[in-house]
Amino acid sequence: MLRLFLVAFAFFGTVTGALAGNPFEITGIRIDAVRENVSKAREQAIRVGTLDATYRLLDRLTLPEDRLVLDPPLIITEDIAEQLVAGIEISNEKRSRSRYLGELAVTFDAQAIRAFLRANHLPYVESQALPVHIIAIWKNEEGQAVLMPDNPFTTALKDGNFQNHLVPLKIVDLDVTEENEAAIAWRLANFNTQLLSEISINAGINELIIASARRTGPDRVTISARRVFFEDGGVSSIMNMGNFEGIAPSSGRRPNILQTTLKMAMEKLADVLDTDWKHTAIVRDNFSQSIRLTALYNGIKQWQRIRDALGSVSLVEEARLEALSADGALLTLTYRGNEDQLIRRLAQKGIELQNDDLGLVARIR
């Protein structure tokens, strides 16, 4: 738990962190069980669904290479999973005399999950990166690109689960009308640098994903994605992320196949982003170090931004205020991990950390 000492400056308020979603929440778990009566079927479905959600949470917070080297292997039972849960919510329930179906959303107890992972010596990441903006293009049956806000791809992306990933996804709000849709779609499909630069400047972003989805079979969709990076308001590079497929299950309930397959494909894309973030942000030991940090700012609002950024970075264990003036503060910072990880985490919060004549200095970017 971060402790930020402000001596006599209590009027500055509390340290707060802003997450796009809740990484400890797993949604969209389909449950289905048959027993001698519907009450027992419901109980069994929830227990199995909760276990499934627990393993999905581990996939989100940890890396597979870290899980594979555990000796003995990590095995989670239904009883263990239930002890890690803070709450569940069930929707789309259907019942018969002996069968129970539904969709489960599980919110986990963050403190219990952290303790469980530490007890099993499993490195993890819980802090979210800044949201990555995405433009969702749907290719209809005629092969035309559809950008309007109600296209099937955008509808699938509005599922709240994509806000709970370690790298949340945020849909870019384009000024699209029926008259200009075709022209904008063509320019995006051809990665028109002028249009992309305008989007970057207007949205205040330094990266963007352009994803195009289309049906590739009765029960299948394919999403092609490219990641665009910007510097100084212009396009600096474009990276091909590849293709991601969503295939509807061949058995069981098949509600709204298009939305189901789109979400499945997008989960695969989101997992790639999460994995990249985990490789950057994961801390593999509990070793802490303390440094002297100088914060430079112009006025109280900038100081509050720096202070709040320190409070929202999970690596930081303590930020002790030693001195404060109108344009600068001296702190003793205790944190886990290495300096590069700290620099990257604070950069995600809009804070630049550099070494200069004063030592390590934090400024608003």
Protein backbone atom coordinates (compact mmCIF):
# COMPACT_ATOMS: atom_id res chain seq x y z
CA MET A 1 0.00 0.00 0.00
CA LEU A 2 1.42 3.34 -1.08
CA ARG A 3 1.96 5.91 1.66
CA LEU A 4 2.34 9.52 0.56
CA PHE A 5 3.35 11.82 3.40
CA LEU A 6 2.29 15.44 2.92
CA VAL A 7 3.19 16.74 6.38
CA ALA A 8 1.06 19.85 6.93
CA PHE A 9 -0.36 19.90 3.41
CA ALA A 10 -3.39 17.70 4.02
CA PHE A 11 -5.55 20.02 1.92
CA PHE A 12 -3.98 18.49 -1.18
CA GLY A 13 -6.38 15.57 -0.84
CA THR A 14 -5.88 11.85 -1.22
CA VAL A 15 -3.82 9.93 -3.72
CA THR A 16 -5.99 8.47 -6.42
CA GLY A 17 -5.42 6.22 -9.40
CA ALA A 18 -7.61 6.01 -12.48
CA LEU A 19 -8.13 2.69 -14.20
CA ALA A 20 -10.14 2.29 -17.38
CA GLY A 21 -11.74 -0.87 -15.98
CA ASN A 22 -11.23 -3.63 -13.45
CA PRO A 23 -8.54 -6.19 -14.38
CA PHE A 24 -9.90 -8.45 -11.61
CA GLU A 25 -13.26 -8.86 -13.35
CA ILE A 26 -13.94 -11.62 -15.88
CA THR A 27 -17.17 -11.51 -17.88
CA GLY A 28 -18.87 -13.57 -20.55
CA ILE A 29 -18.36 -17.02 -18.98
CA ARG A 30 -21.01 -19.35 -20.42
CA ILE A 31 -22.25 -21.90 -17.93
CA ASP A 32 -24.22 -25.07 -18.64
CA ALA A 33 -24.87 -28.05 -16.37
CA VAL A 34 -27.26 -30.99 -16.11
CA ARG A 35 -28.00 -32.69 -12.79
CA GLU A 36 -30.87 -34.54 -11.14
CA ASN A 37 -32.67 -31.23 -10.55
CA VAL A 38 -32.23 -27.63 -11.66
CA SER A 39 -31.05 -26.39 -8.24
CA LYS A 40 -28.10 -28.78 -8.27
CA ALA A 41 -27.48 -28.01 -11.94
CA ARG A 42 -27.29 -24.28 -11.12
CA GLU A 43 -24.87 -24.90 -8.25
CA GLN A 44 -22.62 -27.06 -10.43
CA ALA A 45 -22.70 -24.59 -13.34
CA ILE A 46 -21.65 -21.70 -11.10
CA ARG A 47 -18.82 -23.71 -9.50
CA VAL A 48 -17.42 -24.79 -12.89
CA GLY A 49 -17.87 -21.30 -14.34
CA THR A 50 -16.08 -19.73 -11.39
CA LEU A 51 -13.14 -22.09 -11.87
CA ASP A 52 -13.04 -21.24 -15.58
CA ALA A 53 -13.04 -17.51 -14.71
CA THR A 54 -10.17 -18.04 -12.25
CA TYR A 55 -7.97 -19.63 -14.89
CA ARG A 56 -8.87 -16.85 -17.32
CA LEU A 57 -7.82 -14.30 -14.72
CA LEU A 58 -4.45 -16.06 -14.30
CA ASP A 59 -4.02 -15.95 -18.10
CA ARG A 60 -4.67 -12.21 -17.96
CA LEU A 61 -2.34 -11.32 -15.09
CA THR A 62 0.56 -13.76 -15.62
CA LEU A 63 2.75 -15.07 -18.41
CA PRO A 64 2.51 -18.69 -19.62
CA GLU A 65 6.28 -19.18 -19.37
CA ASP A 66 6.13 -18.31 -15.67
CA ARG A 67 3.26 -20.71 -15.04
CA LEU A 68 4.98 -23.58 -16.87
CA VAL A 69 8.12 -23.51 -14.71
CA LEU A 70 6.25 -23.79 -11.41
CA ASP A 71 7.21 -26.93 -9.51
CA PRO A 72 4.85 -28.37 -8.48
CA PRO A 73 2.45 -27.14 -11.18
CA LEU A 74 -0.23 -24.71 -10.09
CA ILE A 75 -3.56 -26.54 -9.74
CA ILE A 76 -6.71 -24.67 -8.75
CA THR A 77 -9.74 -26.54 -7.49
CA GLU A 78 -13.33 -25.33 -7.44
CA ASP A 79 -13.05 -24.78 -3.68
CA ILE A 80 -9.90 -22.65 -4.07
CA ALA A 81 -11.56 -20.62 -6.84
CA GLU A 82 -14.57 -19.85 -4.64
CA GLN A 83 -12.29 -18.45 -1.92
CA LEU A 84 -10.84 -15.91 -4.39
CA VAL A 85 -14.19 -14.49 -5.49
CA ALA A 86 -15.67 -11.20 -4.29
CA GLY A 87 -18.94 -11.47 -6.19
CA ILE A 88 -20.74 -13.00 -9.16
CA GLU A 89 -23.47 -11.85 -11.49
CA ILE A 90 -25.57 -14.10 -13.73
CA SER A 91 -27.43 -13.06 -16.87
CA ASN A 92 -29.30 -14.77 -19.71
CA GLU A 93 -30.52 -17.57 -17.42
CA LYS A 94 -32.41 -20.52 -18.87
CA ARG A 95 -33.79 -23.45 -16.89
CA SER A 96 -35.45 -26.77 -17.44
CA ARG A 97 -36.27 -29.49 -14.96
CA SER A 98 -32.66 -30.69 -14.82
CA ARG A 99 -30.59 -28.24 -16.88
CA TYR A 100 -29.32 -24.75 -16.09
CA LEU A 101 -27.70 -22.30 -18.54
CA GLY A 102 -26.52 -18.73 -18.15
CA GLU A 103 -23.69 -16.24 -18.53
CA LEU A 104 -21.43 -15.53 -15.58
CA ALA A 105 -19.49 -12.40 -14.62
CA VAL A 106 -17.02 -12.88 -11.78
CA THR A 107 -15.37 -10.12 -9.74
CA PHE A 108 -12.37 -11.36 -7.80
CA ASP A 109 -11.03 -10.18 -4.45
CA ALA A 110 -7.90 -8.32 -5.55
CA GLN A 111 -6.17 -8.72 -2.20
CA ALA A 112 -6.87 -12.46 -2.13
CA ILE A 113 -5.58 -12.86 -5.70
CA ARG A 114 -2.36 -10.99 -4.90
CA ALA A 115 -1.78 -13.13 -1.82
CA PHE A 116 -2.48 -16.32 -3.78
CA LEU A 117 -0.04 -15.42 -6.57
CA ARG A 118 2.69 -14.40 -4.13
CA ALA A 119 2.23 -17.58 -2.11
CA ASN A 120 2.73 -19.57 -5.30
CA HIS A 121 5.75 -17.45 -6.37
CA LEU A 122 4.05 -16.42 -9.59
CA PRO A 123 5.02 -12.98 -11.00
CA TYR A 124 2.04 -10.94 -12.12
CA VAL A 125 0.90 -7.59 -13.45
CA GLU A 126 -2.23 -5.85 -12.20
CA SER A 127 -1.74 -2.25 -13.35
CA GLN A 128 -3.37 -1.23 -16.59
CA ALA A 129 -1.57 0.51 -19.42
CA LEU A 130 -3.08 3.60 -20.97
CA PRO A 131 -5.95 2.69 -23.32
CA VAL A 132 -5.03 1.93 -26.92
CA HIS A 133 -7.32 3.62 -29.42
CA ILE A 134 -8.84 1.50 -32.16
CA ILE A 135 -10.73 2.16 -35.37
CA ALA A 136 -13.11 -0.70 -36.15
CA ILE A 137 -13.90 -1.21 -39.85
CA TRP A 138 -16.54 -3.75 -40.86
CA LYS A 139 -16.46 -5.25 -44.37
CA ASN A 140 -20.01 -6.12 -45.44
CA GLU A 141 -21.07 -8.88 -47.83
CA GLU A 142 -20.42 -6.60 -50.81
CA GLY A 143 -16.89 -5.93 -49.57
CA GLN A 144 -17.68 -2.32 -48.70
CA ALA A 145 -16.08 -0.79 -45.60
CA VAL A 146 -18.59 0.34 -42.96
CA LEU A 147 -17.50 2.88 -40.34
CA MET A 148 -20.79 4.13 -38.96
CA PRO A 149 -21.08 3.82 -35.14
CA ASP A 150 -23.60 0.97 -35.34
CA ASN A 151 -21.53 -1.43 -37.45
CA PRO A 152 -21.31 -5.00 -36.01
CA PHE A 153 -17.60 -4.72 -35.21
CA THR A 154 -18.00 -1.53 -33.17
CA THR A 155 -20.97 -3.05 -31.35
CA ALA A 156 -18.84 -6.04 -30.32
CA LEU A 157 -16.05 -3.74 -29.10
CA LYS A 158 -18.44 -1.92 -26.79
CA ASP A 159 -18.49 -5.03 -24.59
CA GLY A 160 -17.23 -3.81 -21.21
CA ASN A 161 -14.78 -6.72 -20.91
CA PHE A 162 -12.36 -4.99 -23.28
CA GLN A 163 -12.03 -2.22 -20.68
CA ASN A 164 -10.92 -4.80 -18.11
CA HIS A 165 -7.90 -6.01 -20.07
CA LEU A 166 -4.44 -4.89 -18.97
CA VAL A 167 -4.38 -2.80 -22.16
CA PRO A 168 -7.92 -1.35 -22.43
CA LEU A 169 -9.30 -0.63 -25.88
CA LYS A 170 -10.98 2.68 -26.68
CA ILE A 171 -12.96 3.26 -29.87
CA VAL A 172 -11.92 6.35 -31.84
CA ASP A 173 -14.83 8.73 -32.36
CA LEU A 174 -14.66 9.58 -36.08
CA ASP A 175 -16.69 12.33 -37.70
CA VAL A 176 -18.39 10.00 -40.16
CA THR A 177 -21.57 10.68 -42.13
CA GLU A 178 -23.27 8.76 -44.93
CA GLU A 179 -21.80 11.28 -47.37
CA ASN A 180 -18.14 11.00 -46.32
CA GLU A 181 -18.04 7.40 -45.03
CA ALA A 182 -16.77 5.81 -48.26
CA ALA A 183 -14.01 8.40 -48.70
CA ILE A 184 -12.79 8.12 -45.09
CA ALA A 185 -12.89 4.32 -45.23
CA TRP A 186 -10.80 4.30 -48.41
CA ARG A 187 -8.21 6.64 -46.89
CA LEU A 188 -7.99 4.54 -43.72
CA ALA A 189 -7.69 1.30 -45.69
CA ASN A 190 -4.78 2.83 -47.59
CA PHE A 191 -3.22 4.29 -44.41
CA ASN A 192 -3.39 7.86 -45.63
CA THR A 193 -0.76 9.59 -43.51
CA GLN A 194 -2.49 12.98 -43.58
CA LEU A 195 -5.74 11.56 -42.22
CA LEU A 196 -3.95 9.44 -39.62
CA SER A 197 -1.92 12.44 -38.46
CA GLU A 198 -5.10 14.50 -38.11
CA ILE A 199 -6.66 11.74 -36.00
CA SER A 200 -3.52 11.58 -33.83
CA ILE A 201 -3.51 15.32 -33.21
CA ASN A 202 -7.26 15.64 -32.62
CA ALA A 203 -7.38 12.66 -30.23
CA GLY A 204 -4.04 13.47 -28.55
CA ILE A 205 -2.68 9.96 -29.05
CA ASN A 206 0.68 8.50 -30.06
CA GLU A 207 -0.55 5.11 -31.23
CA LEU A 208 -3.61 3.66 -32.90
CA ILE A 209 -4.88 0.29 -34.11
CA ILE A 210 -6.75 0.06 -37.40
CA ALA A 211 -8.67 -3.22 -37.46
CA SER A 212 -10.80 -4.55 -40.28
CA ALA A 213 -13.27 -7.41 -39.71
CA ARG A 214 -15.13 -9.56 -42.22
CA ARG A 215 -17.04 -12.83 -42.40
CA THR A 216 -14.84 -15.62 -43.75
CA GLY A 217 -17.42 -18.40 -43.31
CA PRO A 218 -20.90 -19.05 -41.89
CA ASP A 219 -19.51 -19.40 -38.35
CA ARG A 220 -16.23 -17.53 -38.70
CA VAL A 221 -14.88 -13.98 -38.79
CA THR A 222 -11.34 -12.72 -39.38
CA ILE A 223 -9.91 -9.47 -38.06
CA SER A 224 -6.83 -7.96 -39.70
CA ALA A 225 -5.04 -5.39 -37.58
CA ARG A 226 -2.21 -2.93 -37.93
CA ARG A 227 -0.71 -0.74 -35.22
CA VAL A 228 0.20 2.83 -36.18
CA PHE A 229 2.71 4.83 -34.15
CA PHE A 230 3.07 8.62 -34.21
CA GLU A 231 5.85 11.07 -33.41
CA ASP A 232 5.59 14.88 -33.53
CA GLY A 233 2.09 14.63 -34.97
CA GLY A 234 3.10 12.41 -37.90
CA VAL A 235 3.16 8.70 -38.65
CA SER A 236 6.48 7.15 -37.57
CA SER A 237 5.80 3.45 -38.27
CA ILE A 238 3.09 0.92 -39.05
CA MET A 239 3.28 -2.61 -37.62
CA ASN A 240 1.28 -5.54 -38.99
CA MET A 241 -0.26 -7.35 -36.01
CA GLY A 242 -1.59 -10.20 -38.17
CA ASN A 243 -4.98 -11.87 -38.48
CA PHE A 244 -7.22 -13.01 -35.64
CA GLU A 245 -10.01 -15.54 -36.13
CA GLY A 246 -13.20 -16.11 -34.22
CA ILE A 247 -14.92 -19.46 -34.80
CA ALA A 248 -18.31 -20.26 -33.29
CA PRO A 249 -18.52 -23.48 -31.25
CA SER A 250 -19.99 -26.38 -33.21
CA SER A 251 -22.26 -27.48 -30.37
CA GLY A 252 -24.21 -25.95 -27.51
CA ARG A 253 -26.00 -22.60 -27.54
CA ARG A 254 -25.34 -20.43 -30.57
CA PRO A 255 -26.85 -17.01 -29.83
CA ASN A 256 -25.87 -14.17 -32.18
CA ILE A 257 -23.04 -15.96 -33.94
CA LEU A 258 -21.64 -12.80 -35.54
CA GLN A 259 -21.21 -10.94 -32.23
CA THR A 260 -19.85 -14.07 -30.55
CA THR A 261 -17.19 -14.67 -33.21
CA LEU A 262 -16.21 -10.98 -33.35
CA LYS A 263 -15.66 -10.95 -29.58
CA MET A 264 -13.66 -14.17 -29.77
CA ALA A 265 -11.36 -12.72 -32.44
CA MET A 266 -10.96 -9.45 -30.53
CA GLU A 267 -10.07 -11.33 -27.34
CA LYS A 268 -7.12 -12.84 -29.22
CA LEU A 269 -5.98 -9.39 -30.37
CA ALA A 270 -6.41 -7.99 -26.85
CA ASP A 271 -4.37 -10.89 -25.45
CA VAL A 272 -1.45 -9.93 -27.74
CA LEU A 273 -1.51 -6.39 -26.37
CA ASP A 274 -1.75 -7.70 -22.79
CA THR A 275 1.22 -10.02 -23.31
CA ASP A 276 3.38 -7.19 -24.65
CA TRP A 277 2.46 -5.09 -21.60
CA LYS A 278 3.21 -7.95 -19.19
CA HIS A 279 6.69 -8.41 -20.66
CA THR A 280 7.28 -4.69 -20.05
CA ALA A 281 5.66 -4.25 -16.66
CA ILE A 282 6.06 -7.51 -14.76
CA VAL A 283 8.19 -7.42 -11.61
CA ARG A 284 9.91 -10.72 -10.83
CA ASP A 285 11.06 -10.12 -7.28
CA ASN A 286 10.07 -8.23 -4.16
CA PHE A 287 13.33 -6.31 -3.87
CA SER A 288 12.69 -2.63 -3.06
CA GLN A 289 15.02 0.33 -3.44
CA SER A 290 14.86 3.94 -2.30
CA ILE A 291 15.97 6.99 -4.28
CA ARG A 292 15.80 10.77 -3.95
CA LEU A 293 13.40 12.26 -6.46
CA THR A 294 12.95 15.92 -7.38
CA ALA A 295 9.55 16.93 -8.77
CA LEU A 296 9.52 20.15 -10.82
CA TYR A 297 6.23 21.83 -11.69
CA ASN A 298 4.46 25.09 -12.43
CA GLY A 299 1.82 25.49 -9.76
CA ILE A 300 -0.31 23.33 -7.52
CA LYS A 301 -2.20 21.54 -10.33
CA GLN A 302 0.98 20.15 -11.86
CA TRP A 303 2.23 19.06 -8.44
CA GLN A 304 -1.08 17.25 -7.86
CA ARG A 305 -0.73 15.46 -11.20
CA ILE A 306 2.77 14.26 -10.32
CA ARG A 307 1.68 13.21 -6.84
CA ASP A 308 -1.38 11.36 -8.16
CA ALA A 309 0.72 9.60 -10.81
CA LEU A 310 3.08 8.32 -8.12
CA GLY A 311 0.06 7.14 -6.17
CA SER A 312 -1.38 5.18 -9.09
CA VAL A 313 1.78 3.24 -10.04
CA SER A 314 1.73 -0.11 -8.26
CA LEU A 315 5.55 -0.32 -8.26
CA VAL A 316 5.73 2.62 -5.86
CA GLU A 317 5.52 1.51 -2.22
CA GLU A 318 6.19 4.86 -0.54
CA ALA A 319 6.69 8.47 -1.58
CA ARG A 320 7.90 10.45 1.43
CA LEU A 321 7.78 14.23 1.05
CA GLU A 322 10.97 15.83 2.40
CA ALA A 323 10.53 19.42 1.20
CA LEU A 324 7.99 21.42 -0.77
CA SER A 325 8.10 24.80 -2.50
CA ALA A 326 6.07 26.70 -5.06
CA ASP A 327 7.83 25.08 -8.03
CA GLY A 328 9.45 21.91 -6.72
CA ALA A 329 9.34 19.08 -4.21
CA LEU A 330 11.95 16.69 -2.85
CA LEU A 331 10.81 13.15 -2.12
CA THR A 332 12.28 9.85 -1.04
CA LEU A 333 10.77 7.23 -3.32
CA THR A 334 10.69 3.52 -2.47
CA TYR A 335 9.73 1.23 -5.32
CA ARG A 336 9.99 -2.33 -6.63
CA GLY A 337 11.47 -3.35 -9.98
CA ASN A 338 14.10 -1.41 -11.91
CA GLU A 339 14.39 2.21 -12.95
CA ASP A 340 13.42 1.51 -16.58
CA GLN A 341 10.15 -0.06 -15.44
CA LEU A 342 9.44 2.92 -13.19
CA ILE A 343 10.16 5.32 -16.07
CA ARG A 344 7.80 3.44 -18.40
CA ARG A 345 5.01 3.24 -15.82
CA LEU A 346 5.18 6.98 -15.08
CA ALA A 347 5.34 7.77 -18.80
CA GLN A 348 2.01 5.95 -19.09
CA LYS A 349 0.68 8.49 -16.58
CA GLY A 350 2.07 11.49 -18.50
CA ILE A 351 5.09 12.00 -16.22
CA GLU A 352 8.62 12.22 -17.62
CA LEU A 353 11.41 10.84 -15.41
CA GLN A 354 14.98 11.84 -16.32
CA ASN A 355 18.42 12.06 -14.79
CA ASP A 356 19.99 15.55 -14.85
CA ASP A 357 22.12 17.78 -12.60
CA LEU A 358 19.57 17.50 -9.80
CA GLY A 359 19.55 13.71 -9.98
CA LEU A 360 16.32 11.93 -10.88
CA VAL A 361 13.72 14.53 -11.86
CA ALA A 362 9.99 14.14 -12.53
CA ARG A 363 8.14 16.61 -14.78
CA ILE A 364 4.82 16.79 -16.62
CA ARG A 365 5.34 15.61 -20.19
